[in-house]
Amino acid sequence: MGAFIGISVFLIVILIVLAVVAAIAIMNIYNRLVTLRNRYRNAFSQIDVQLRRRHDLIPNLVETVRGYMKHERETLEAVIAARNSAIAANQQAAQLPGDPAAMQQLAGAEAALTGTLGRLFALSEAYPDLKASQNMAQLTEELRTTENQIAFARQAFNDAVTRYNTSREVFPNNMVASGFNFQSAELLETIEAPEMRQAPQVSF
């Protein structure tokens, strides 16, 4: 009888130890996923800063161009409309970084904005006085710098998302992720229309 009780106590101790080890492992996985999720969300905040700067530069660009390109009203209005759509998409994405729908909408809106800017720069080639404008040259340089910063921030965000998704998908992390509703995060694809990538780099 004593031996049976001894074995029972031993088994209970083993079960308790295993339960504690499992609880610690789950806690560590959970904390790791939270850390990685916070990192990609913070990385998106850097994209947000640069996109806001890009959006803030566009009204000044339009006003500068308007004085020289009085007959290009449709193009100028298209740029403003695309900017407004991009602002709305960025605000949505900032609330839900990594959300597939928000990321796709943001990428699409920014690509559309880049496309309209590309058309604006292409039209400006026909206006020598505009090309010689110091204000236009400064705005173009600021836009170019901002585009580069956006590209760097987007790469950092995508790297952080990839690390999070990888950690979330491997075993046994995937069981913890599923149990605690850690959703997969979406990469932010290029926000430039491929055919317009060189548009902001027109020299003035």
N, C-alpha and C. Protein backbone atom coordinates (compact mmCIF):
# COMPACT_ATOMS: atom_id res chain seq x y z
N MET A 1 0.83 -1.21 0.00
CA MET A 1 0.00 0.00 0.00
C MET A 1 0.87 1.26 0.00
N GLY A 2 1.90 1.22 0.86
CA GLY A 2 2.80 2.36 0.94
C GLY A 2 3.52 2.60 -0.37
N ALA A 3 3.88 1.49 -1.04
CA ALA A 3 4.57 1.61 -2.33
C ALA A 3 3.64 2.23 -3.37
N PHE A 4 2.35 1.84 -3.33
CA PHE A 4 1.37 2.38 -4.28
C PHE A 4 1.20 3.88 -4.07
N ILE A 5 1.12 4.28 -2.79
CA ILE A 5 0.98 5.71 -2.47
C ILE A 5 2.22 6.46 -2.92
N GLY A 6 3.38 5.87 -2.73
CA GLY A 6 4.62 6.49 -3.14
C GLY A 6 4.67 6.71 -4.64
N ILE A 7 4.22 5.68 -5.39
CA ILE A 7 4.20 5.79 -6.85
C ILE A 7 3.21 6.86 -7.30
N SER A 8 2.07 6.91 -6.63
CA SER A 8 1.03 7.90 -6.96
C SER A 8 1.54 9.32 -6.73
N VAL A 9 2.21 9.51 -5.60
CA VAL A 9 2.76 10.84 -5.30
C VAL A 9 3.82 11.21 -6.33
N PHE A 10 4.64 10.23 -6.68
CA PHE A 10 5.69 10.47 -7.69
C PHE A 10 5.06 10.89 -9.02
N LEU A 11 4.02 10.17 -9.44
CA LEU A 11 3.34 10.49 -10.70
C LEU A 11 2.71 11.87 -10.65
N ILE A 12 2.11 12.21 -9.51
CA ILE A 12 1.50 13.54 -9.35
C ILE A 12 2.56 14.63 -9.46
N VAL A 13 3.70 14.39 -8.82
CA VAL A 13 4.80 15.37 -8.88
C VAL A 13 5.27 15.52 -10.33
N ILE A 14 5.40 14.38 -11.04
CA ILE A 14 5.82 14.43 -12.44
C ILE A 14 4.83 15.23 -13.27
N LEU A 15 3.54 14.98 -13.05
CA LEU A 15 2.50 15.69 -13.80
C LEU A 15 2.53 17.19 -13.51
N ILE A 16 2.75 17.52 -12.24
CA ILE A 16 2.82 18.94 -11.86
C ILE A 16 4.02 19.61 -12.53
N VAL A 17 5.16 18.90 -12.51
CA VAL A 17 6.37 19.44 -13.15
C VAL A 17 6.14 19.64 -14.64
N LEU A 18 5.53 18.64 -15.29
CA LEU A 18 5.26 18.74 -16.72
C LEU A 18 4.30 19.90 -17.02
N ALA A 19 3.29 20.05 -16.15
CA ALA A 19 2.33 21.15 -16.33
C ALA A 19 3.00 22.51 -16.19
N VAL A 20 3.92 22.62 -15.21
CA VAL A 20 4.64 23.88 -15.02
C VAL A 20 5.54 24.17 -16.21
N VAL A 21 6.25 23.14 -16.69
CA VAL A 21 7.13 23.31 -17.85
C VAL A 21 6.32 23.72 -19.07
N ALA A 22 5.16 23.07 -19.27
CA ALA A 22 4.30 23.41 -20.41
C ALA A 22 3.79 24.83 -20.30
N ALA A 23 3.40 25.22 -19.08
CA ALA A 23 2.89 26.58 -18.87
C ALA A 23 3.96 27.63 -19.16
N ILE A 24 5.20 27.34 -18.72
CA ILE A 24 6.31 28.26 -18.97
C ILE A 24 6.60 28.36 -20.47
N ALA A 25 6.56 27.20 -21.14
CA ALA A 25 6.81 27.19 -22.58
C ALA A 25 5.75 27.99 -23.33
N ILE A 26 4.49 27.79 -22.95
CA ILE A 26 3.40 28.54 -23.58
C ILE A 26 3.54 30.03 -23.32
N MET A 27 3.90 30.38 -22.09
CA MET A 27 4.08 31.79 -21.74
C MET A 27 5.21 32.42 -22.56
N ASN A 28 6.30 31.68 -22.72
CA ASN A 28 7.42 32.20 -23.50
C ASN A 28 7.05 32.39 -24.97
N ILE A 29 6.33 31.43 -25.52
CA ILE A 29 5.89 31.54 -26.92
C ILE A 29 4.94 32.72 -27.07
N TYR A 30 4.00 32.85 -26.15
CA TYR A 30 3.04 33.95 -26.19
C TYR A 30 3.76 35.29 -26.15
N ASN A 31 4.68 35.42 -25.20
CA ASN A 31 5.43 36.68 -25.06
C ASN A 31 6.26 36.98 -26.30
N ARG A 32 6.82 35.94 -26.91
CA ARG A 32 7.62 36.12 -28.13
C ARG A 32 6.74 36.62 -29.27
N LEU A 33 5.56 36.05 -29.41
CA LEU A 33 4.64 36.48 -30.47
C LEU A 33 4.18 37.92 -30.25
N VAL A 34 3.90 38.26 -29.00
CA VAL A 34 3.50 39.65 -28.69
C VAL A 34 4.63 40.60 -29.05
N THR A 35 5.85 40.24 -28.69
CA THR A 35 7.02 41.09 -29.00
C THR A 35 7.17 41.30 -30.50
N LEU A 36 7.08 40.21 -31.26
CA LEU A 36 7.24 40.31 -32.71
C LEU A 36 6.09 41.09 -33.35
N ARG A 37 4.89 40.92 -32.83
CA ARG A 37 3.75 41.68 -33.34
C ARG A 37 3.94 43.18 -33.08
N ASN A 38 4.40 43.51 -31.88
CA ASN A 38 4.63 44.92 -31.56
C ASN A 38 5.74 45.51 -32.42
N ARG A 39 6.72 44.69 -32.78
CA ARG A 39 7.82 45.19 -33.62
C ARG A 39 7.34 45.55 -35.01
N TYR A 40 6.49 44.70 -35.61
CA TYR A 40 6.06 45.05 -36.97
C TYR A 40 5.06 46.21 -36.93
N ARG A 41 4.30 46.31 -35.85
CA ARG A 41 3.40 47.47 -35.73
C ARG A 41 4.20 48.76 -35.58
N ASN A 42 5.26 48.70 -34.79
CA ASN A 42 6.12 49.87 -34.66
C ASN A 42 6.81 50.19 -35.98
N ALA A 43 7.21 49.15 -36.72
CA ALA A 43 7.85 49.37 -38.02
C ALA A 43 6.89 50.07 -38.97
N PHE A 44 5.60 49.75 -38.88
CA PHE A 44 4.65 50.42 -39.76
C PHE A 44 4.53 51.90 -39.40
N SER A 45 4.70 52.24 -38.13
CA SER A 45 4.59 53.64 -37.74
C SER A 45 5.65 54.49 -38.46
N GLN A 46 6.79 53.88 -38.80
CA GLN A 46 7.82 54.61 -39.56
C GLN A 46 7.36 54.85 -41.00
N ILE A 47 6.65 53.88 -41.58
CA ILE A 47 6.07 54.08 -42.90
C ILE A 47 5.05 55.21 -42.84
N ASP A 48 4.23 55.19 -41.80
CA ASP A 48 3.19 56.20 -41.62
C ASP A 48 3.78 57.61 -41.61
N VAL A 49 4.90 57.77 -40.89
CA VAL A 49 5.56 59.09 -40.81
C VAL A 49 5.98 59.56 -42.20
N GLN A 50 6.59 58.68 -42.97
CA GLN A 50 7.09 59.06 -44.29
C GLN A 50 5.95 59.30 -45.29
N LEU A 51 4.90 58.50 -45.20
CA LEU A 51 3.76 58.71 -46.09
C LEU A 51 3.07 60.04 -45.79
N ARG A 52 2.98 60.38 -44.52
CA ARG A 52 2.38 61.68 -44.16
C ARG A 52 3.22 62.83 -44.73
N ARG A 53 4.51 62.66 -44.67
CA ARG A 53 5.39 63.69 -45.25
C ARG A 53 5.17 63.79 -46.76
N ARG A 54 5.07 62.64 -47.41
CA ARG A 54 4.80 62.64 -48.85
C ARG A 54 3.49 63.34 -49.16
N HIS A 55 2.47 63.01 -48.42
CA HIS A 55 1.15 63.61 -48.65
C HIS A 55 1.16 65.12 -48.39
N ASP A 56 1.95 65.53 -47.40
CA ASP A 56 2.03 66.97 -47.08
C ASP A 56 2.75 67.76 -48.16
N LEU A 57 3.67 67.12 -48.86
CA LEU A 57 4.41 67.82 -49.90
C LEU A 57 3.57 68.05 -51.17
N ILE A 58 2.61 67.20 -51.40
CA ILE A 58 1.88 67.25 -52.67
C ILE A 58 1.08 68.53 -52.88
N PRO A 59 0.36 69.06 -51.87
CA PRO A 59 -0.35 70.33 -52.11
C PRO A 59 0.60 71.46 -52.54
N ASN A 60 1.78 71.53 -51.93
CA ASN A 60 2.76 72.54 -52.33
C ASN A 60 3.21 72.34 -53.77
N LEU A 61 3.39 71.07 -54.13
CA LEU A 61 3.78 70.74 -55.50
C LEU A 61 2.70 71.18 -56.48
N VAL A 62 1.45 70.87 -56.15
CA VAL A 62 0.34 71.22 -57.04
C VAL A 62 0.22 72.74 -57.19
N GLU A 63 0.37 73.46 -56.08
CA GLU A 63 0.27 74.92 -56.15
C GLU A 63 1.40 75.51 -56.98
N THR A 64 2.59 74.94 -56.85
CA THR A 64 3.72 75.41 -57.65
C THR A 64 3.48 75.17 -59.13
N VAL A 65 3.00 73.99 -59.45
CA VAL A 65 2.77 73.62 -60.84
C VAL A 65 1.61 74.40 -61.44
N ARG A 66 0.59 74.66 -60.62
CA ARG A 66 -0.63 75.31 -61.12
C ARG A 66 -0.32 76.65 -61.80
N GLY A 67 0.64 77.38 -61.26
CA GLY A 67 0.98 78.69 -61.83
C GLY A 67 1.55 78.60 -63.24
N TYR A 68 2.11 77.44 -63.59
CA TYR A 68 2.73 77.28 -64.91
C TYR A 68 1.87 76.45 -65.86
N MET A 69 1.06 75.57 -65.28
CA MET A 69 0.31 74.61 -66.10
C MET A 69 -1.20 74.87 -65.95
N LYS A 70 -1.60 76.07 -66.33
CA LYS A 70 -3.00 76.47 -66.14
C LYS A 70 -3.98 75.60 -66.94
N HIS A 71 -3.52 74.97 -67.98
CA HIS A 71 -4.42 74.20 -68.84
C HIS A 71 -4.42 72.71 -68.50
N GLU A 72 -3.78 72.36 -67.41
CA GLU A 72 -3.70 70.94 -67.02
C GLU A 72 -4.54 70.69 -65.77
N ARG A 73 -5.70 71.32 -65.72
CA ARG A 73 -6.55 71.23 -64.53
C ARG A 73 -6.93 69.78 -64.20
N GLU A 74 -7.25 69.00 -65.21
CA GLU A 74 -7.68 67.62 -64.99
C GLU A 74 -6.60 66.81 -64.30
N THR A 75 -5.36 66.98 -64.73
CA THR A 75 -4.24 66.25 -64.11
C THR A 75 -4.03 66.68 -62.68
N LEU A 76 -4.11 67.99 -62.42
CA LEU A 76 -3.92 68.50 -61.06
C LEU A 76 -5.01 67.98 -60.13
N GLU A 77 -6.24 67.95 -60.63
CA GLU A 77 -7.35 67.44 -59.82
C GLU A 77 -7.18 65.95 -59.56
N ALA A 78 -6.65 65.22 -60.53
CA ALA A 78 -6.41 63.78 -60.35
C ALA A 78 -5.36 63.54 -59.27
N VAL A 79 -4.34 64.38 -59.23
CA VAL A 79 -3.30 64.25 -58.20
C VAL A 79 -3.90 64.47 -56.82
N ILE A 80 -4.71 65.52 -56.67
CA ILE A 80 -5.32 65.82 -55.37
C ILE A 80 -6.27 64.69 -54.95
N ALA A 81 -7.06 64.19 -55.89
CA ALA A 81 -7.99 63.10 -55.57
C ALA A 81 -7.22 61.85 -55.14
N ALA A 82 -6.13 61.55 -55.85
CA ALA A 82 -5.32 60.38 -55.50
C ALA A 82 -4.67 60.56 -54.13
N ARG A 83 -4.23 61.78 -53.85
CA ARG A 83 -3.64 62.07 -52.53
C ARG A 83 -4.67 61.84 -51.43
N ASN A 84 -5.88 62.32 -51.62
CA ASN A 84 -6.93 62.16 -50.60
C ASN A 84 -7.24 60.69 -50.36
N SER A 85 -7.28 59.91 -51.43
CA SER A 85 -7.52 58.47 -51.30
C SER A 85 -6.37 57.80 -50.55
N ALA A 86 -5.14 58.23 -50.84
CA ALA A 86 -3.98 57.66 -50.18
C ALA A 86 -3.97 58.00 -48.68
N ILE A 87 -4.38 59.22 -48.35
CA ILE A 87 -4.45 59.61 -46.94
C ILE A 87 -5.44 58.73 -46.19
N ALA A 88 -6.62 58.52 -46.79
CA ALA A 88 -7.64 57.69 -46.16
C ALA A 88 -7.15 56.25 -45.99
N ALA A 89 -6.48 55.72 -47.01
CA ALA A 89 -5.97 54.35 -46.93
C ALA A 89 -4.88 54.24 -45.87
N ASN A 90 -4.04 55.25 -45.76
CA ASN A 90 -2.97 55.24 -44.77
C ASN A 90 -3.53 55.29 -43.36
N GLN A 91 -4.57 56.09 -43.16
CA GLN A 91 -5.20 56.17 -41.84
C GLN A 91 -5.79 54.83 -41.43
N GLN A 92 -6.40 54.15 -42.39
CA GLN A 92 -6.97 52.83 -42.11
C GLN A 92 -5.86 51.83 -41.79
N ALA A 93 -4.79 51.87 -42.56
CA ALA A 93 -3.68 50.93 -42.35
C ALA A 93 -2.98 51.20 -41.02
N ALA A 94 -2.90 52.47 -40.61
CA ALA A 94 -2.25 52.81 -39.35
C ALA A 94 -3.03 52.24 -38.16
N GLN A 95 -4.34 52.09 -38.33
CA GLN A 95 -5.15 51.50 -37.27
C GLN A 95 -5.05 49.98 -37.27
N LEU A 96 -4.78 49.39 -38.45
CA LEU A 96 -4.73 47.94 -38.59
C LEU A 96 -3.47 47.49 -39.34
N PRO A 97 -2.28 47.81 -38.83
CA PRO A 97 -1.07 47.40 -39.55
C PRO A 97 -0.98 45.88 -39.65
N GLY A 98 -0.68 45.42 -40.86
CA GLY A 98 -0.60 43.98 -41.08
C GLY A 98 -1.89 43.35 -41.56
N ASP A 99 -3.02 44.08 -41.43
CA ASP A 99 -4.29 43.55 -41.89
C ASP A 99 -4.27 43.43 -43.42
N PRO A 100 -4.61 42.25 -43.97
CA PRO A 100 -4.51 42.06 -45.43
C PRO A 100 -5.27 43.09 -46.24
N ALA A 101 -6.52 43.34 -45.89
CA ALA A 101 -7.32 44.30 -46.67
C ALA A 101 -6.74 45.70 -46.58
N ALA A 102 -6.32 46.11 -45.39
CA ALA A 102 -5.76 47.45 -45.20
C ALA A 102 -4.45 47.62 -45.96
N MET A 103 -3.60 46.58 -45.93
CA MET A 103 -2.32 46.67 -46.63
C MET A 103 -2.51 46.72 -48.14
N GLN A 104 -3.44 45.93 -48.65
CA GLN A 104 -3.69 45.93 -50.10
C GLN A 104 -4.29 47.26 -50.55
N GLN A 105 -5.19 47.80 -49.73
CA GLN A 105 -5.79 49.08 -50.08
C GLN A 105 -4.74 50.19 -50.08
N LEU A 106 -3.85 50.17 -49.08
CA LEU A 106 -2.80 51.17 -49.00
C LEU A 106 -1.86 51.08 -50.20
N ALA A 107 -1.44 49.87 -50.52
CA ALA A 107 -0.53 49.68 -51.66
C ALA A 107 -1.18 50.18 -52.95
N GLY A 108 -2.45 49.88 -53.13
CA GLY A 108 -3.15 50.32 -54.33
C GLY A 108 -3.30 51.82 -54.40
N ALA A 109 -3.66 52.43 -53.27
CA ALA A 109 -3.85 53.89 -53.24
C ALA A 109 -2.55 54.63 -53.49
N GLU A 110 -1.46 54.14 -52.90
CA GLU A 110 -0.17 54.80 -53.09
C GLU A 110 0.36 54.60 -54.51
N ALA A 111 0.09 53.43 -55.09
CA ALA A 111 0.49 53.20 -56.47
C ALA A 111 -0.27 54.13 -57.41
N ALA A 112 -1.57 54.34 -57.12
CA ALA A 112 -2.37 55.26 -57.94
C ALA A 112 -1.84 56.69 -57.81
N LEU A 113 -1.45 57.07 -56.59
CA LEU A 113 -0.89 58.40 -56.37
C LEU A 113 0.42 58.56 -57.13
N THR A 114 1.26 57.55 -57.07
CA THR A 114 2.53 57.60 -57.81
C THR A 114 2.28 57.72 -59.31
N GLY A 115 1.26 57.02 -59.79
CA GLY A 115 0.92 57.11 -61.21
C GLY A 115 0.50 58.50 -61.63
N THR A 116 -0.33 59.17 -60.83
CA THR A 116 -0.77 60.52 -61.18
C THR A 116 0.39 61.51 -61.08
N LEU A 117 1.27 61.29 -60.09
CA LEU A 117 2.46 62.15 -60.01
C LEU A 117 3.36 61.95 -61.23
N GLY A 118 3.44 60.70 -61.68
CA GLY A 118 4.24 60.43 -62.87
C GLY A 118 3.72 61.18 -64.09
N ARG A 119 2.40 61.21 -64.25
CA ARG A 119 1.81 61.95 -65.37
C ARG A 119 2.07 63.45 -65.22
N LEU A 120 2.00 63.94 -63.98
CA LEU A 120 2.25 65.36 -63.74
C LEU A 120 3.68 65.73 -64.11
N PHE A 121 4.64 64.92 -63.69
CA PHE A 121 6.03 65.19 -64.01
C PHE A 121 6.28 65.09 -65.51
N ALA A 122 5.62 64.14 -66.15
CA ALA A 122 5.80 64.00 -67.59
C ALA A 122 5.28 65.24 -68.32
N LEU A 123 4.13 65.76 -67.90
CA LEU A 123 3.58 66.96 -68.52
C LEU A 123 4.47 68.18 -68.27
N SER A 124 5.09 68.21 -67.10
CA SER A 124 5.91 69.37 -66.74
C SER A 124 7.12 69.53 -67.65
N GLU A 125 7.50 68.47 -68.34
CA GLU A 125 8.63 68.54 -69.26
C GLU A 125 8.39 69.58 -70.37
N ALA A 126 7.13 69.85 -70.65
CA ALA A 126 6.79 70.79 -71.72
C ALA A 126 6.80 72.24 -71.25
N TYR A 127 7.17 72.47 -69.98
CA TYR A 127 7.14 73.83 -69.43
C TYR A 127 8.55 74.20 -68.93
N PRO A 128 9.35 74.80 -69.78
CA PRO A 128 10.75 75.14 -69.40
C PRO A 128 10.84 76.02 -68.16
N ASP A 129 9.92 76.99 -68.04
CA ASP A 129 9.97 77.88 -66.87
C ASP A 129 9.74 77.10 -65.57
N LEU A 130 8.85 76.13 -65.64
CA LEU A 130 8.59 75.29 -64.47
C LEU A 130 9.82 74.46 -64.12
N LYS A 131 10.46 73.90 -65.13
CA LYS A 131 11.66 73.10 -64.90
C LYS A 131 12.77 73.93 -64.27
N ALA A 132 12.78 75.23 -64.59
CA ALA A 132 13.83 76.11 -64.06
C ALA A 132 13.47 76.66 -62.68
N SER A 133 12.25 76.40 -62.20
CA SER A 133 11.81 76.94 -60.91
C SER A 133 12.58 76.33 -59.75
N GLN A 134 13.10 77.21 -58.90
CA GLN A 134 13.85 76.74 -57.74
C GLN A 134 12.94 76.00 -56.77
N ASN A 135 11.73 76.51 -56.62
CA ASN A 135 10.76 75.89 -55.72
C ASN A 135 10.42 74.48 -56.18
N MET A 136 10.25 74.33 -57.50
CA MET A 136 9.95 73.01 -58.06
C MET A 136 11.11 72.05 -57.85
N ALA A 137 12.31 72.55 -58.03
CA ALA A 137 13.49 71.71 -57.83
C ALA A 137 13.59 71.23 -56.39
N GLN A 138 13.29 72.12 -55.45
CA GLN A 138 13.36 71.77 -54.03
C GLN A 138 12.30 70.73 -53.68
N LEU A 139 11.07 70.95 -54.16
CA LEU A 139 9.99 70.00 -53.89
C LEU A 139 10.29 68.62 -54.49
N THR A 140 10.85 68.63 -55.70
CA THR A 140 11.19 67.36 -56.34
C THR A 140 12.24 66.61 -55.54
N GLU A 141 13.22 67.33 -55.04
CA GLU A 141 14.27 66.70 -54.24
C GLU A 141 13.69 66.15 -52.93
N GLU A 142 12.81 66.91 -52.31
CA GLU A 142 12.19 66.45 -51.06
C GLU A 142 11.34 65.21 -51.31
N LEU A 143 10.62 65.19 -52.42
CA LEU A 143 9.82 64.01 -52.77
C LEU A 143 10.72 62.80 -53.01
N ARG A 144 11.82 63.01 -53.71
CA ARG A 144 12.75 61.91 -54.00
C ARG A 144 13.30 61.34 -52.69
N THR A 145 13.70 62.22 -51.78
CA THR A 145 14.23 61.78 -50.49
C THR A 145 13.17 61.01 -49.71
N THR A 146 11.95 61.52 -49.74
CA THR A 146 10.86 60.86 -49.02
C THR A 146 10.56 59.49 -49.61
N GLU A 147 10.60 59.38 -50.94
CA GLU A 147 10.38 58.09 -51.59
C GLU A 147 11.43 57.07 -51.12
N ASN A 148 12.66 57.50 -51.00
CA ASN A 148 13.72 56.61 -50.53
C ASN A 148 13.48 56.17 -49.09
N GLN A 149 13.05 57.12 -48.25
CA GLN A 149 12.77 56.79 -46.86
C GLN A 149 11.60 55.82 -46.74
N ILE A 150 10.61 56.00 -47.59
CA ILE A 150 9.46 55.08 -47.60
C ILE A 150 9.93 53.67 -47.97
N ALA A 151 10.79 53.58 -48.96
CA ALA A 151 11.28 52.27 -49.39
C ALA A 151 12.03 51.57 -48.26
N PHE A 152 12.88 52.31 -47.53
CA PHE A 152 13.61 51.72 -46.41
C PHE A 152 12.65 51.28 -45.31
N ALA A 153 11.67 52.15 -45.00
CA ALA A 153 10.71 51.83 -43.93
C ALA A 153 9.85 50.62 -44.31
N ARG A 154 9.48 50.54 -45.58
CA ARG A 154 8.68 49.41 -46.04
C ARG A 154 9.46 48.11 -45.92
N GLN A 155 10.75 48.14 -46.26
CA GLN A 155 11.59 46.95 -46.14
C GLN A 155 11.70 46.50 -44.68
N ALA A 156 11.88 47.47 -43.78
CA ALA A 156 11.97 47.14 -42.35
C ALA A 156 10.66 46.53 -41.86
N PHE A 157 9.54 47.09 -42.31
CA PHE A 157 8.23 46.56 -41.93
C PHE A 157 8.07 45.13 -42.44
N ASN A 158 8.39 44.91 -43.70
CA ASN A 158 8.23 43.57 -44.29
C ASN A 158 9.13 42.55 -43.61
N ASP A 159 10.33 42.97 -43.23
CA ASP A 159 11.22 42.06 -42.50
C ASP A 159 10.61 41.68 -41.15
N ALA A 160 10.04 42.68 -40.46
CA ALA A 160 9.43 42.42 -39.15
C ALA A 160 8.20 41.52 -39.29
N VAL A 161 7.41 41.74 -40.32
CA VAL A 161 6.23 40.90 -40.57
C VAL A 161 6.66 39.47 -40.88
N THR A 162 7.70 39.30 -41.68
CA THR A 162 8.18 37.96 -42.02
C THR A 162 8.65 37.21 -40.78
N ARG A 163 9.37 37.90 -39.89
CA ARG A 163 9.82 37.25 -38.66
C ARG A 163 8.63 36.83 -37.79
N TYR A 164 7.64 37.71 -37.71
CA TYR A 164 6.43 37.39 -36.93
C TYR A 164 5.70 36.20 -37.52
N ASN A 165 5.47 36.24 -38.83
CA ASN A 165 4.72 35.15 -39.48
C ASN A 165 5.46 33.82 -39.36
N THR A 166 6.77 33.85 -39.51
CA THR A 166 7.55 32.62 -39.39
C THR A 166 7.44 32.04 -37.99
N SER A 167 7.60 32.91 -36.98
CA SER A 167 7.49 32.45 -35.60
C SER A 167 6.09 31.93 -35.31
N ARG A 168 5.10 32.56 -35.90
CA ARG A 168 3.71 32.17 -35.67
C ARG A 168 3.38 30.81 -36.30
N GLU A 169 4.05 30.47 -37.39
CA GLU A 169 3.69 29.28 -38.16
C GLU A 169 4.43 28.01 -37.73
N VAL A 170 5.59 28.16 -37.08
CA VAL A 170 6.35 26.96 -36.72
C VAL A 170 5.71 26.26 -35.51
N PHE A 171 5.97 24.94 -35.42
CA PHE A 171 5.46 24.15 -34.30
C PHE A 171 6.42 24.27 -33.12
N PRO A 172 5.94 24.40 -31.87
CA PRO A 172 4.54 24.40 -31.42
C PRO A 172 3.92 25.80 -31.35
N ASN A 173 4.64 26.81 -31.85
CA ASN A 173 4.12 28.18 -31.78
C ASN A 173 2.76 28.31 -32.44
N ASN A 174 2.56 27.54 -33.53
CA ASN A 174 1.30 27.67 -34.26
C ASN A 174 0.10 27.27 -33.40
N MET A 175 0.31 26.35 -32.45
CA MET A 175 -0.78 25.96 -31.55
C MET A 175 -1.11 27.09 -30.59
N VAL A 176 -0.08 27.73 -30.06
CA VAL A 176 -0.30 28.87 -29.16
C VAL A 176 -0.92 30.03 -29.93
N ALA A 177 -0.40 30.29 -31.14
CA ALA A 177 -0.93 31.38 -31.96
C ALA A 177 -2.40 31.18 -32.27
N SER A 178 -2.76 29.95 -32.58
CA SER A 178 -4.16 29.65 -32.87
C SER A 178 -5.02 29.80 -31.62
N GLY A 179 -4.52 29.33 -30.51
CA GLY A 179 -5.29 29.40 -29.26
C GLY A 179 -5.50 30.82 -28.77
N PHE A 180 -4.53 31.69 -29.04
CA PHE A 180 -4.63 33.08 -28.57
C PHE A 180 -4.94 34.06 -29.72
N ASN A 181 -5.35 33.53 -30.85
CA ASN A 181 -5.83 34.34 -31.98
C ASN A 181 -4.79 35.33 -32.51
N PHE A 182 -3.57 34.86 -32.68
CA PHE A 182 -2.55 35.67 -33.35
C PHE A 182 -2.73 35.49 -34.85
N GLN A 183 -3.23 36.53 -35.52
CA GLN A 183 -3.52 36.45 -36.94
C GLN A 183 -2.26 36.65 -37.78
N SER A 184 -2.27 36.04 -38.96
CA SER A 184 -1.17 36.26 -39.90
C SER A 184 -1.16 37.73 -40.33
N ALA A 185 0.03 38.28 -40.51
CA ALA A 185 0.17 39.68 -40.95
C ALA A 185 0.52 39.72 -42.43
N GLU A 186 0.06 40.76 -43.10
CA GLU A 186 0.29 40.92 -44.54
C GLU A 186 1.48 41.82 -44.81
N LEU A 187 2.32 41.42 -45.75
CA LEU A 187 3.40 42.29 -46.20
C LEU A 187 2.82 43.50 -46.92
N LEU A 188 3.56 44.60 -46.91
CA LEU A 188 3.18 45.76 -47.70
C LEU A 188 3.95 45.68 -49.01
N GLU A 189 3.24 45.34 -50.06
CA GLU A 189 3.90 45.25 -51.36
C GLU A 189 4.32 46.63 -51.82
N THR A 190 5.11 46.68 -52.87
CA THR A 190 5.61 47.96 -53.35
C THR A 190 4.46 48.94 -53.54
N ILE A 191 4.64 50.16 -53.09
CA ILE A 191 3.58 51.15 -53.18
C ILE A 191 3.75 52.02 -54.42
N GLU A 192 4.66 51.59 -55.28
CA GLU A 192 4.86 52.32 -56.53
C GLU A 192 4.34 51.50 -57.70
N ALA A 193 3.69 52.15 -58.62
CA ALA A 193 3.35 51.47 -59.87
C ALA A 193 4.65 51.23 -60.61
N PRO A 194 4.96 50.00 -61.01
CA PRO A 194 6.27 49.67 -61.62
C PRO A 194 6.65 50.60 -62.77
N GLU A 195 5.67 50.94 -63.61
CA GLU A 195 5.99 51.78 -64.76
C GLU A 195 6.25 53.23 -64.38
N MET A 196 5.96 53.59 -63.11
CA MET A 196 6.11 54.98 -62.68
C MET A 196 7.24 55.15 -61.67
N ARG A 197 8.02 54.13 -61.44
CA ARG A 197 9.02 54.21 -60.37
C ARG A 197 10.01 55.36 -60.58
N GLN A 198 10.30 55.71 -61.82
CA GLN A 198 11.27 56.75 -62.06
C GLN A 198 10.64 58.14 -62.10
N ALA A 199 9.33 58.21 -62.06
CA ALA A 199 8.65 59.50 -62.23
C ALA A 199 9.07 60.57 -61.22
N PRO A 200 9.16 60.25 -59.90
CA PRO A 200 9.53 61.30 -58.97
C PRO A 200 10.99 61.74 -59.09
N GLN A 201 11.78 61.11 -59.96
CA GLN A 201 13.20 61.42 -60.03
C GLN A 201 13.54 62.30 -61.24
N VAL A 202 12.53 62.98 -61.76
CA VAL A 202 12.78 63.91 -62.86
C VAL A 202 13.70 65.03 -62.38
N SER A 203 14.66 65.40 -63.13
CA SER A 203 15.60 66.45 -62.75
C SER A 203 15.08 67.81 -63.21
N PHE A 204 15.15 68.75 -62.29
CA PHE A 204 14.73 70.13 -62.60
C PHE A 204 15.89 71.07 -62.35
